[in-house]
Each structure stands twice: as structure tokens, then as C-alpha cells.
N, C-alpha and C. Protein backbone atom coordinates (compact mmCIF):
# COMPACT_ATOMS: atom_id res chain seq x y z
N MET A 1 59.13 97.12 44.96
CA MET A 1 58.87 95.58 45.23
C MET A 1 60.14 94.85 45.03
N ASP A 2 60.86 94.15 45.88
CA ASP A 2 62.18 93.06 45.50
C ASP A 2 61.54 91.83 45.56
N SER A 3 62.46 90.91 45.36
CA SER A 3 62.02 89.40 45.61
C SER A 3 61.55 88.78 46.59
N THR A 4 61.94 89.33 47.97
CA THR A 4 61.33 89.07 49.10
C THR A 4 59.66 89.45 49.19
N ASP A 5 59.51 90.46 48.48
CA ASP A 5 58.12 90.92 48.47
C ASP A 5 57.27 90.25 47.94
N ILE A 6 57.95 89.82 46.39
CA ILE A 6 57.15 88.88 45.32
C ILE A 6 56.93 87.69 46.34
N ALA A 7 58.00 86.86 46.76
CA ALA A 7 57.93 85.60 47.54
C ALA A 7 56.71 85.81 48.50
N GLN A 8 56.63 86.91 49.21
CA GLN A 8 55.60 86.67 50.51
C GLN A 8 54.37 86.91 49.63
N ALA A 9 54.23 87.88 48.80
CA ALA A 9 53.01 88.09 47.69
C ALA A 9 52.38 86.71 47.63
N GLU A 10 53.27 86.02 47.00
CA GLU A 10 52.93 84.43 46.54
C GLU A 10 52.43 83.22 47.39
N ILE A 11 53.08 83.85 48.66
CA ILE A 11 52.50 82.74 49.83
C ILE A 11 51.18 83.04 50.47
N GLN A 12 50.84 84.41 50.14
CA GLN A 12 49.63 85.06 50.56
C GLN A 12 48.52 84.73 49.34
N GLY A 13 49.06 84.59 48.32
CA GLY A 13 47.99 84.17 47.36
C GLY A 13 47.75 85.76 46.44
N THR A 14 48.62 86.45 46.40
CA THR A 14 48.56 87.48 45.69
C THR A 14 48.33 87.20 44.15
N GLU A 15 47.57 87.81 43.23
CA GLU A 15 47.48 87.48 42.16
C GLU A 15 48.24 88.38 41.17
N GLY A 16 48.96 88.38 40.04
CA GLY A 16 49.64 89.14 39.15
C GLY A 16 50.68 89.78 40.05
N VAL A 17 51.40 89.83 40.70
CA VAL A 17 52.61 89.96 41.21
C VAL A 17 53.83 90.66 40.55
N ARG A 18 54.04 89.22 39.50
CA ARG A 18 54.98 89.87 38.53
C ARG A 18 54.43 90.59 37.43
N TYR A 19 52.98 90.72 36.98
CA TYR A 19 52.88 91.20 35.97
C TYR A 19 52.62 93.04 36.29
N HIS A 20 52.56 93.04 37.68
CA HIS A 20 52.37 94.34 38.41
C HIS A 20 53.76 94.96 38.47
N LYS A 21 54.57 94.23 38.78
CA LYS A 21 56.20 94.32 38.90
C LYS A 21 56.70 94.97 37.42
N LEU A 22 56.19 94.22 36.42
CA LEU A 22 56.34 94.21 34.94
C LEU A 22 55.91 96.03 34.72
N LEU A 23 54.84 96.00 34.70
CA LEU A 23 54.04 97.31 34.51
C LEU A 23 54.89 98.22 35.59
N SER A 24 55.05 98.14 36.73
CA SER A 24 56.05 99.35 37.33
C SER A 24 57.33 99.60 36.68
N VAL A 25 58.02 98.40 36.16
CA VAL A 25 59.38 98.63 35.76
C VAL A 25 59.51 99.66 34.39
N LEU A 26 57.83 98.91 33.45
CA LEU A 26 57.86 99.86 32.40
C LEU A 26 57.61 101.29 32.64
N ASP A 27 56.84 101.66 33.31
CA ASP A 27 56.32 103.19 33.67
C ASP A 27 57.55 103.54 34.05
N ARG A 28 58.26 103.33 35.18
CA ARG A 28 59.50 103.59 35.36
C ARG A 28 60.40 104.01 34.69
N SER A 29 61.04 102.91 33.69
CA SER A 29 61.51 103.13 32.29
C SER A 29 61.40 104.08 31.66
N LEU A 30 60.21 104.09 31.16
CA LEU A 30 59.48 105.27 30.30
C LEU A 30 59.76 106.57 30.93
N ALA A 31 58.96 106.54 31.99
CA ALA A 31 59.58 107.76 33.18
C ALA A 31 61.07 108.59 32.59
N SER A 32 61.83 107.56 32.68
CA SER A 32 63.24 107.87 32.80
C SER A 32 63.82 108.27 31.31
N VAL A 33 63.27 107.62 30.46
CA VAL A 33 63.53 108.04 29.09
C VAL A 33 62.51 109.66 28.60
N VAL A 34 61.41 109.84 28.95
CA VAL A 34 60.90 110.55 28.51
C VAL A 34 61.39 112.16 29.55
N ASP A 35 61.73 111.86 30.82
CA ASP A 35 62.66 112.90 31.80
C ASP A 35 63.89 113.08 30.97
N SER A 36 64.76 112.24 30.49
CA SER A 36 65.71 112.48 29.76
C SER A 36 65.70 113.22 28.67
N PHE A 37 64.41 113.64 28.26
CA PHE A 37 64.15 114.62 27.03
C PHE A 37 63.71 115.87 27.41
N LYS A 38 64.83 116.70 27.79
CA LYS A 38 64.20 117.90 28.32
C LYS A 38 63.92 119.38 27.62
N LEU A 39 63.04 120.24 28.07
CA LEU A 39 62.62 121.26 27.39
C LEU A 39 64.08 122.32 27.18
N GLU A 40 64.95 122.28 28.25
CA GLU A 40 66.06 123.29 27.69
C GLU A 40 66.80 122.51 26.49
N GLU A 41 67.01 121.25 26.27
CA GLU A 41 67.87 120.71 25.43
C GLU A 41 67.27 121.00 24.14
N LEU A 42 65.75 120.89 24.09
CA LEU A 42 64.79 121.20 22.99
C LEU A 42 65.16 122.85 22.40
N GLN A 43 65.45 123.72 23.57
CA GLN A 43 65.70 125.09 23.36
C GLN A 43 66.91 125.35 22.73
N ALA A 44 67.91 124.53 23.31
CA ALA A 44 69.31 124.53 22.61
C ALA A 44 69.56 124.37 21.67
N ILE A 45 68.84 123.32 20.95
CA ILE A 45 68.55 123.07 19.37
C ILE A 45 68.33 124.00 19.07
N PHE A 46 66.89 124.89 19.08
CA PHE A 46 66.53 125.36 18.38
C PHE A 46 66.22 127.04 18.99
N PRO A 47 67.74 127.48 19.22
CA PRO A 47 67.81 128.81 20.04
C PRO A 47 66.59 129.97 19.39
N ASP A 48 66.46 129.94 18.29
CA ASP A 48 65.89 131.16 17.58
C ASP A 48 64.46 130.78 18.05
N LEU A 49 64.18 129.62 17.81
CA LEU A 49 62.32 129.81 18.26
C LEU A 49 62.20 130.08 19.40
N ALA A 50 63.27 129.46 20.22
CA ALA A 50 63.29 129.60 22.30
C ALA A 50 62.92 131.31 22.42
N GLN A 51 63.50 132.18 21.55
CA GLN A 51 63.45 133.61 21.86
C GLN A 51 62.35 134.04 21.16
N GLN A 52 62.26 133.33 19.98
CA GLN A 52 60.83 134.74 18.91
C GLN A 52 59.51 133.68 19.89
N ILE A 53 59.41 132.44 19.96
CA ILE A 53 58.14 131.66 20.09
C ILE A 53 58.42 130.63 21.35
N PRO A 54 58.58 131.27 22.24
CA PRO A 54 58.94 130.28 23.60
C PRO A 54 57.61 129.50 23.95
N GLU A 55 56.38 129.73 23.87
CA GLU A 55 55.33 129.30 23.92
C GLU A 55 55.13 128.08 22.96
N LYS A 56 55.24 128.08 22.07
CA LYS A 56 54.83 127.16 20.77
C LYS A 56 56.08 126.27 21.15
N LEU A 57 56.91 126.30 21.47
CA LEU A 57 58.24 125.56 21.38
C LEU A 57 57.62 124.78 22.69
N ALA A 58 57.30 125.23 24.05
CA ALA A 58 56.85 124.76 25.11
C ALA A 58 56.07 123.52 24.68
N ASP A 59 54.94 124.05 23.90
CA ASP A 59 54.03 123.66 23.41
C ASP A 59 54.47 122.25 22.72
N SER A 60 55.25 122.51 21.56
CA SER A 60 55.86 121.39 20.77
C SER A 60 56.48 120.63 21.72
N TYR A 61 57.03 120.80 22.69
CA TYR A 61 57.89 119.88 23.75
C TYR A 61 56.77 118.71 24.31
N GLU A 62 56.02 119.53 24.93
CA GLU A 62 54.56 118.96 25.70
C GLU A 62 54.00 118.00 24.73
N GLN A 63 54.02 118.05 23.40
CA GLN A 63 53.31 117.43 22.59
C GLN A 63 54.29 116.10 22.10
N ILE A 64 55.37 116.37 22.02
CA ILE A 64 56.49 115.58 21.78
C ILE A 64 56.65 114.24 23.00
N SER A 65 56.63 114.89 24.18
CA SER A 65 56.75 113.99 25.51
C SER A 65 55.53 113.25 25.47
N SER A 66 54.53 113.96 25.14
CA SER A 66 53.08 113.08 25.07
C SER A 66 53.19 111.87 24.21
N TYR A 67 53.71 112.20 23.09
CA TYR A 67 53.72 111.19 21.82
C TYR A 67 54.63 110.40 22.31
N LEU A 68 55.75 110.51 22.69
CA LEU A 68 56.72 109.52 23.03
C LEU A 68 56.19 108.39 24.02
N ARG A 69 55.61 108.85 25.13
CA ARG A 69 55.15 108.30 26.03
C ARG A 69 54.00 107.63 25.80
N ASN A 70 52.99 107.74 25.29
CA ASN A 70 51.65 107.32 24.70
C ASN A 70 52.18 106.21 23.75
N SER A 71 53.03 106.45 22.79
CA SER A 71 53.42 105.54 21.56
C SER A 71 54.09 104.32 22.37
N ALA A 72 55.14 104.71 23.54
CA ALA A 72 55.91 103.68 23.88
C ALA A 72 55.02 102.69 24.53
N ASN A 73 54.06 103.32 25.27
CA ASN A 73 53.18 102.73 26.19
C ASN A 73 52.29 101.70 25.41
N ALA A 74 51.67 102.28 24.28
CA ALA A 74 50.93 101.47 23.44
C ALA A 74 51.25 100.39 22.83
N ASP A 75 52.83 100.41 22.20
CA ASP A 75 53.65 99.66 21.78
C ASP A 75 53.57 98.46 22.73
N PHE A 76 54.11 98.74 24.07
CA PHE A 76 54.41 97.84 25.03
C PHE A 76 53.15 97.01 25.32
N GLN A 77 52.08 97.86 25.37
CA GLN A 77 50.86 97.11 25.67
C GLN A 77 50.43 95.74 24.62
N ALA A 78 50.69 96.40 23.31
CA ALA A 78 50.16 95.36 22.35
C ALA A 78 51.48 93.97 22.55
N ILE A 79 52.53 94.65 22.76
CA ILE A 79 53.23 93.28 23.01
C ILE A 79 52.89 92.37 24.10
N LEU A 80 52.46 93.07 25.43
CA LEU A 80 51.90 92.13 26.27
C LEU A 80 50.51 91.49 26.07
N MET A 81 50.01 92.22 25.31
CA MET A 81 48.51 91.47 24.46
C MET A 81 48.82 90.22 23.80
N GLN A 82 49.82 90.73 22.66
CA GLN A 82 50.28 89.61 21.92
C GLN A 82 50.96 88.10 22.57
N TYR A 83 51.42 88.49 23.67
CA TYR A 83 52.20 87.12 24.39
C TYR A 83 51.18 86.55 25.47
N ASP A 84 50.75 87.50 25.41
CA ASP A 84 49.25 87.02 26.71
C ASP A 84 50.11 87.36 28.14
N MET A 85 51.11 88.09 28.17
CA MET A 85 51.94 88.03 29.22
C MET A 85 51.28 88.27 31.01
N GLU A 86 49.99 88.79 30.48
CA GLU A 86 49.23 88.80 32.05
C GLU A 86 48.96 87.41 32.60
N SER A 87 48.55 86.60 31.61
CA SER A 87 47.94 85.48 32.13
C SER A 87 48.97 84.48 32.47
N LYS A 88 50.10 84.57 31.61
CA LYS A 88 51.56 83.75 31.71
C LYS A 88 51.77 84.06 33.26
N LEU A 89 51.78 85.44 33.41
CA LEU A 89 52.75 85.69 34.80
C LEU A 89 51.88 85.49 35.92
N VAL A 90 50.46 85.58 35.65
CA VAL A 90 49.82 85.27 37.03
C VAL A 90 49.52 83.50 36.99
N ASP A 91 49.71 82.66 35.78
CA ASP A 91 50.03 81.65 36.21
C ASP A 91 51.39 81.27 36.85
N LEU A 92 52.35 81.90 36.42
CA LEU A 92 53.89 81.85 37.17
C LEU A 92 53.64 82.03 38.51
N ASP A 93 53.01 83.00 39.07
CA ASP A 93 52.77 83.49 40.12
C ASP A 93 52.04 82.44 40.90
N ARG A 94 51.30 81.84 40.53
CA ARG A 94 50.42 80.78 40.97
C ARG A 94 51.24 79.56 41.17
N LEU A 95 52.19 79.04 40.15
CA LEU A 95 52.92 77.90 40.16
C LEU A 95 54.14 78.14 41.52
N VAL A 96 54.67 79.37 41.41
CA VAL A 96 55.84 79.48 42.18
C VAL A 96 54.95 79.42 43.69
N GLY A 97 53.89 80.08 43.99
CA GLY A 97 53.19 80.30 45.17
C GLY A 97 52.96 78.41 45.97
N GLU A 98 52.52 77.55 44.46
CA GLU A 98 52.46 76.28 44.98
C GLU A 98 53.62 75.61 45.72
N ALA A 99 54.43 75.69 44.78
CA ALA A 99 56.17 75.36 44.77
C ALA A 99 56.28 75.71 46.72
N ILE A 100 56.16 76.55 46.62
CA ILE A 100 56.81 77.41 48.01
C ILE A 100 55.74 76.60 49.28
N GLU A 101 54.46 76.64 49.01
CA GLU A 101 53.74 75.92 49.75
C GLU A 101 54.00 74.63 50.12
N ARG A 102 54.11 73.79 48.76
CA ARG A 102 54.80 72.58 48.91
C ARG A 102 56.03 72.13 49.74
N LYS A 103 57.11 73.19 49.52
CA LYS A 103 58.35 73.07 50.10
C LYS A 103 58.27 73.28 51.56
N THR A 104 57.24 74.48 52.07
CA THR A 104 57.09 74.64 53.63
C THR A 104 56.11 73.26 53.89
N ALA A 105 55.52 72.71 53.24
CA ALA A 105 54.56 71.53 53.98
C ALA A 105 55.90 70.63 54.28
N ALA A 106 56.31 69.94 52.86
CA ALA A 106 57.28 69.07 52.80
C ALA A 106 58.29 69.34 54.36
N ALA A 107 59.20 70.64 54.39
CA ALA A 107 59.84 70.58 55.73
C ALA A 107 59.42 70.63 56.95
N GLY A 108 58.06 70.77 57.01
CA GLY A 108 57.37 70.58 58.22
C GLY A 108 57.29 68.77 58.41
N GLU A 109 56.74 68.38 57.40
CA GLU A 109 56.60 66.96 57.46
C GLU A 109 57.92 66.02 57.70
N ASP A 110 58.92 66.76 57.05
CA ASP A 110 60.24 65.91 57.31
C ASP A 110 60.62 65.89 59.02
N LYS A 111 60.42 67.46 59.39
CA LYS A 111 60.83 67.21 60.66
C LYS A 111 59.66 66.24 61.88
N GLN A 112 58.46 66.20 61.20
CA GLN A 112 57.77 65.67 62.03
C GLN A 112 57.85 63.99 61.76
N LEU A 113 58.15 63.86 60.91
CA LEU A 113 58.65 62.41 60.45
C LEU A 113 59.77 61.83 61.08
N VAL A 114 60.71 62.37 61.16
CA VAL A 114 61.95 62.16 61.79
C VAL A 114 61.85 62.16 63.13
N SER A 115 61.20 62.89 63.91
CA SER A 115 60.88 62.78 65.55
C SER A 115 59.81 61.63 65.61
N SER A 116 59.34 61.00 64.61
CA SER A 116 58.35 59.97 65.14
C SER A 116 58.71 58.97 64.51
N MET A 117 60.19 58.84 63.80
CA MET A 117 60.55 57.41 63.44
C MET A 117 61.35 56.34 64.59
N SER A 118 61.15 55.47 64.00
CA SER A 118 61.81 54.43 65.19
C SER A 118 63.10 54.20 64.46
N PRO A 119 64.31 53.91 65.62
CA PRO A 119 65.84 53.94 65.40
C PRO A 119 65.73 53.28 64.00
N GLU A 120 65.09 51.72 63.81
CA GLU A 120 65.51 51.33 62.81
C GLU A 120 65.46 51.62 61.72
N ASN A 121 64.41 52.61 61.67
CA ASN A 121 63.52 53.43 60.14
C ASN A 121 65.03 54.57 60.08
N ILE A 122 65.13 54.87 60.73
CA ILE A 122 66.54 56.32 60.89
C ILE A 122 67.34 55.68 60.30
N ASN A 123 67.92 54.39 60.67
CA ASN A 123 69.15 53.64 60.21
C ASN A 123 68.67 53.38 58.75
N ARG A 124 67.76 52.72 58.52
CA ARG A 124 67.33 52.28 57.01
C ARG A 124 67.44 53.37 55.90
N GLY A 125 66.89 54.60 56.69
CA GLY A 125 66.92 55.83 55.79
C GLY A 125 68.33 56.45 55.97
N ARG A 126 69.39 56.36 56.37
CA ARG A 126 70.46 56.62 56.19
C ARG A 126 71.13 55.78 55.37
N SER A 127 71.01 54.56 55.11
CA SER A 127 71.46 53.50 54.53
C SER A 127 70.68 53.37 53.19
N ALA A 128 69.94 53.94 53.08
CA ALA A 128 69.44 54.38 51.67
C ALA A 128 70.39 54.58 50.54
N ALA A 129 71.09 55.71 51.08
CA ALA A 129 71.85 56.34 49.66
C ALA A 129 72.84 55.09 49.47
N ILE A 130 73.47 54.47 50.61
CA ILE A 130 74.50 53.43 50.69
C ILE A 130 73.92 52.04 49.59
N LYS A 131 72.37 51.79 49.86
CA LYS A 131 71.82 50.83 48.92
C LYS A 131 71.43 51.42 47.70
N GLN A 132 71.62 52.36 47.24
CA GLN A 132 71.09 52.88 46.09
C GLN A 132 72.74 52.96 45.07
N ALA A 133 73.49 53.24 45.90
CA ALA A 133 74.87 52.99 45.22
C ALA A 133 75.27 51.86 45.04
N GLU A 134 75.05 51.08 45.80
CA GLU A 134 75.46 49.52 45.28
C GLU A 134 74.35 49.01 44.61
N LEU A 135 73.35 49.32 44.36
CA LEU A 135 72.08 48.89 43.48
C LEU A 135 72.71 49.51 42.02
N GLN A 136 73.56 50.86 42.05
CA GLN A 136 73.77 51.25 40.95
C GLN A 136 75.13 50.64 40.35
N ARG A 137 75.74 50.02 41.22
CA ARG A 137 77.20 49.55 41.03
C ARG A 137 76.72 48.19 40.34
N LEU A 138 75.63 47.14 41.35
CA LEU A 138 75.32 45.92 40.55
C LEU A 138 74.87 46.21 39.34
N GLU A 139 73.93 47.45 39.23
CA GLU A 139 73.14 47.36 37.77
C GLU A 139 74.53 47.50 36.61
N THR A 140 75.32 48.17 37.00
CA THR A 140 76.64 48.31 36.17
C THR A 140 77.20 47.07 35.92
N LYS A 141 77.48 46.35 36.68
CA LYS A 141 78.08 45.01 36.49
C LYS A 141 77.31 43.99 35.51
N LEU A 142 76.14 44.28 36.01
CA LEU A 142 75.03 43.08 35.32
C LEU A 142 75.05 43.67 33.80
N ASN A 143 75.10 44.85 33.88
CA ASN A 143 74.95 45.28 32.26
C ASN A 143 76.60 44.88 31.57
N GLN A 144 77.38 44.93 32.15
CA GLN A 144 78.78 44.78 31.69
C GLN A 144 78.71 43.29 31.20
N ILE A 145 78.14 42.31 32.11
CA ILE A 145 78.40 40.73 32.28
C ILE A 145 77.33 40.59 31.02
N LYS A 146 76.23 41.26 30.60
CA LYS A 146 75.33 40.92 29.68
C LYS A 146 76.11 41.44 28.32
N GLN A 147 77.10 42.30 28.21
CA GLN A 147 77.79 42.82 27.12
C GLN A 147 78.70 41.72 26.98
N GLU A 148 79.49 41.10 27.85
CA GLU A 148 80.27 40.02 27.45
C GLU A 148 79.61 38.85 27.10
N ASN A 149 78.48 38.47 27.73
CA ASN A 149 77.71 37.52 27.24
C ASN A 149 77.32 37.68 25.46
N ALA A 150 76.80 38.65 25.45
CA ALA A 150 76.20 38.96 23.90
C ALA A 150 77.60 38.55 22.69
N GLU A 151 79.09 39.13 23.42
CA GLU A 151 80.14 38.93 22.48
C GLU A 151 80.43 37.47 22.52
N ALA A 152 80.46 36.83 23.98
CA ALA A 152 80.48 35.26 23.74
C ALA A 152 79.74 34.67 22.97
N LEU A 153 78.47 35.01 23.10
CA LEU A 153 77.48 34.55 22.06
C LEU A 153 77.89 34.58 20.55
N SER A 154 78.07 35.83 20.48
CA SER A 154 78.45 35.84 18.95
C SER A 154 79.86 35.07 18.23
N LEU A 155 80.60 35.26 19.20
CA LEU A 155 81.99 34.35 18.93
C LEU A 155 81.44 32.71 18.84
N LEU A 156 80.62 32.30 19.76
CA LEU A 156 80.08 30.71 19.74
C LEU A 156 79.73 30.59 18.38
N THR A 157 78.71 31.60 18.18
CA THR A 157 78.01 31.54 16.95
C THR A 157 78.95 31.34 15.60
N LYS A 158 80.09 32.37 15.45
CA LYS A 158 80.81 32.12 14.41
C LYS A 158 81.91 30.89 14.57
N GLN A 159 81.70 30.36 15.54
CA GLN A 159 83.02 28.93 15.83
C GLN A 159 82.14 27.70 15.45
N ARG A 160 80.77 28.21 15.68
CA ARG A 160 79.65 26.94 15.55
C ARG A 160 79.60 26.71 13.42
N THR A 161 79.52 28.14 13.19
CA THR A 161 79.54 28.25 11.76
C THR A 161 81.03 27.60 11.13
N VAL A 162 82.02 27.92 11.39
CA VAL A 162 83.53 27.55 10.89
C VAL A 162 83.23 26.08 10.92
N LEU A 163 82.96 25.34 12.38
CA LEU A 163 82.97 23.98 12.53
C LEU A 163 82.07 22.92 11.44
N ALA A 164 80.89 23.78 11.39
CA ALA A 164 79.75 23.41 10.68
C ALA A 164 80.58 23.07 9.08
N GLU A 165 81.29 24.41 8.49
CA GLU A 165 81.89 24.27 7.22
C GLU A 165 83.17 23.45 7.28
N GLU A 166 83.62 23.00 8.15
CA GLU A 166 84.85 21.97 8.38
C GLU A 166 84.40 20.64 8.32
N ARG A 167 83.29 20.59 9.04
CA ARG A 167 82.59 19.16 9.35
C ARG A 167 82.22 18.67 7.79
N LYS A 168 81.63 19.65 6.83
CA LYS A 168 81.04 19.36 5.68
C LYS A 168 82.27 19.27 4.81
N ARG A 169 83.43 20.03 4.85
CA ARG A 169 84.40 19.54 3.93
C ARG A 169 85.07 18.15 4.52
N LEU A 170 85.09 18.22 5.71
CA LEU A 170 85.83 16.81 6.00
C LEU A 170 84.87 15.62 5.59
N GLY A 171 83.68 15.74 5.71
CA GLY A 171 82.44 14.85 5.18
C GLY A 171 83.03 14.80 3.66
N THR A 172 83.01 15.75 2.71
CA THR A 172 83.33 15.67 1.27
C THR A 172 84.42 15.25 1.08
N THR A 173 85.43 15.51 1.89
CA THR A 173 86.96 14.65 1.89
C THR A 173 86.83 13.19 1.98
N MET A 174 86.21 12.83 3.22
CA MET A 174 85.87 11.31 3.52
C MET A 174 85.52 10.82 2.39
N ASP A 175 84.28 11.14 1.58
CA ASP A 175 83.46 10.94 0.61
C ASP A 175 84.55 10.56 -0.42
N MET A 176 85.11 11.21 -1.07
CA MET A 176 86.28 11.19 -1.87
C MET A 176 87.38 9.97 -1.59
N VAL A 177 87.79 9.94 -0.41
CA VAL A 177 88.51 9.02 -0.10
C VAL A 177 87.80 7.55 -0.11
N THR A 178 86.66 7.53 0.31
CA THR A 178 86.00 6.15 0.36
C THR A 178 86.01 5.60 -0.94
N LYS A 179 85.45 6.89 -1.88
CA LYS A 179 85.38 6.23 -3.72
C LYS A 179 86.97 5.81 -4.21
N VAL A 180 87.74 6.51 -3.81
CA VAL A 180 89.03 6.12 -4.35
C VAL A 180 89.49 4.68 -4.03
N CYS A 181 88.97 4.57 -2.62
CA CYS A 181 89.58 3.17 -2.04
C CYS A 181 88.92 1.98 -2.34
């Protein structure tokens, strides 16, 4: 099952597509690993046993293969249960299916809307990007002016403070001159 099959199953609403795909991959991987362990290789490792008691070696091989398959499968199932993979993958299938339906519906609506729009609305729609860019430019300019105003206000406040100190000092000097004269 490839991605187009998964997408088709999602559109049709089949639940658990990704989960079943994951189980299929597990089975193939596990079969590949177990199949790579061959009786002939075991006989090559233990040539004396292969000649003396070939039936017991074959039985041992079957037991080892069965143990490998069952153990790996049990471990993988435990992992699937621990992380609640089935429900998560079913939810993912559902979400992707809904997104595909929304996309399909939106594509159909867009075609219908454009054909039913007046020329004025079509021109407004085309100019929306231009208006958006102009709005962004104006917002940037407004932020720049606000920054400049904040800096000017800070400078004005500092200058007022300096002038107040100068006035105070000048008043003190005038009082001293008045007392001297």
C-alpha cells in the first residue's frame, strides 16, 4: 500500500490505514530477519551435530526461529500499546482525511466563487495582495514614527530637566546679586 492508496483510503473514510500499514511493515521486517537465519547456516556452525542428530538440530532451529519471531512481535506489540499507537494513527488518519475533504471542498468553492463574482470583486481580490503590502508598509512607517516620537519625547524631557536646573541656578544667582546690591 503506497501513499496514494493511503490517501484514497482516507478519502473513503477507512479507519486505521496507517496502523495496518505499520503492522504490515512489522511483519515484513520480522519475516526478513527470521528468514535471514537459515538452517543451513546453523548446520555450518555445528557440523558435528548436523551429522549426528540432524532432527534435533532442525527442531532447535524451529524453536529459535519461533522464539525470535514471538519475542520480537511481543516486544513490538508492547511498544504499540505503551504509546497507544493504534488510536493515535487512527486519529491521524481521520485528521488527514478531514483535511483532504476540506481541501477538495475549498477547491470546488473557489472555482464556483470566481465564476460567480462580479468584475469589481475580481479586481478587488487581485488588489488585495497590493493592499496588504501597502498596509504592511504603512504599519512599518507608523512604528518608525512612534519610535522617533518616543526618542524626541525623551530628549524633550531631558532638555526640560536641564532648563529647570538652569532656571533654578539663575534664580539663585539673581537672589545673590540682589542681596549684594
